């Protein structure tokens, strides 16, 4: 009987450990999912800002020498 009780105790300890591991895995999965969502938002924002910088660079005149000097010169 002692052997059966010991075996049942070991099985119960393993079941408890598995339950804790399942909870930890689920928590980690939620963190990873949240981080991927944030990465997607930041990637879209980075693309948008890169496009804005490229558009701003295109609107700058090619060389400042082509502009006439200001009137006070």
Protein backbone atom coordinates (compact mmCIF):
# COMPACT_ATOMS: atom_id res chain seq x y z
CA UNK A 1 0.00 0.00 0.00
CA UNK A 2 2.85 2.33 0.76
CA UNK A 3 4.20 1.90 -2.75
CA UNK A 4 0.82 2.75 -4.31
CA UNK A 5 0.43 5.83 -2.09
CA UNK A 6 3.97 6.96 -2.96
CA UNK A 7 3.26 6.47 -6.66
CA UNK A 8 0.00 8.43 -6.38
CA UNK A 9 1.86 11.26 -4.63
CA UNK A 10 4.46 11.37 -7.39
CA UNK A 11 1.77 11.46 -10.06
CA UNK A 12 -0.05 14.25 -8.23
CA UNK A 13 3.19 16.26 -7.96
CA UNK A 14 3.80 15.82 -11.68
CA UNK A 15 0.24 16.91 -12.49
CA UNK A 16 0.70 20.04 -10.36
CA UNK A 17 4.00 20.79 -12.09
CA UNK A 18 2.43 20.37 -15.53
CA UNK A 19 -0.45 22.68 -14.56
CA UNK A 20 2.05 25.38 -13.49
CA UNK A 21 4.03 24.92 -16.68
CA UNK A 22 0.87 25.22 -18.78
CA UNK A 23 0.01 28.48 -17.01
CA UNK A 24 3.54 29.81 -17.56
CA UNK A 25 3.46 28.85 -21.25
CA UNK A 26 0.11 30.60 -21.70
CA UNK A 27 1.42 33.75 -20.00
CA UNK A 28 4.51 33.74 -22.22
CA UNK A 29 2.34 33.23 -25.29
CA UNK A 30 0.26 36.27 -24.37
CA UNK A 31 3.41 38.37 -23.93
CA UNK A 32 4.79 37.24 -27.29
CA UNK A 33 1.47 37.96 -29.02
CA UNK A 34 1.39 41.44 -27.49
CA UNK A 35 4.97 42.11 -28.55
CA UNK A 36 4.29 41.02 -32.14
CA UNK A 37 1.33 43.39 -32.29
CA UNK A 38 3.54 46.21 -31.04
CA UNK A 39 6.28 45.29 -33.53
CA UNK A 40 3.71 45.40 -36.36
CA UNK A 41 2.53 48.87 -35.27
CA UNK A 42 6.09 50.13 -35.00
CA UNK A 43 7.02 48.66 -38.39
CA UNK A 44 4.08 50.43 -40.04
CA UNK A 45 4.99 53.68 -38.28
CA UNK A 46 8.62 53.34 -39.38
CA UNK A 47 7.52 52.79 -42.98
CA UNK A 48 5.23 55.82 -42.80
CA UNK A 49 8.01 58.00 -41.37
CA UNK A 50 10.50 56.75 -43.95
CA UNK A 51 8.06 57.71 -46.70
CA UNK A 52 7.59 61.16 -45.16
CA UNK A 53 11.35 61.74 -44.96
CA UNK A 54 11.79 60.60 -48.57
CA UNK A 55 9.02 62.97 -49.69
CA UNK A 56 10.58 65.83 -47.73
CA UNK A 57 13.99 65.13 -49.27
CA UNK A 58 12.48 65.23 -52.75
CA UNK A 59 10.87 68.61 -52.09
CA UNK A 60 14.23 70.19 -51.14
CA UNK A 61 15.90 72.01 -54.06
CA UNK A 62 18.74 70.07 -55.67
CA UNK A 63 21.50 72.61 -55.04
CA UNK A 64 21.41 75.80 -53.02
CA UNK A 65 23.54 77.54 -55.71
CA UNK A 66 20.60 77.62 -58.12
CA UNK A 67 18.65 80.00 -55.87
CA UNK A 68 19.21 83.73 -56.30
CA UNK A 69 20.85 85.45 -53.31
CA UNK A 70 18.57 87.20 -50.84
CA UNK A 71 17.87 90.89 -51.55
CA UNK A 72 20.12 92.16 -48.75
CA UNK A 73 23.32 90.96 -50.54
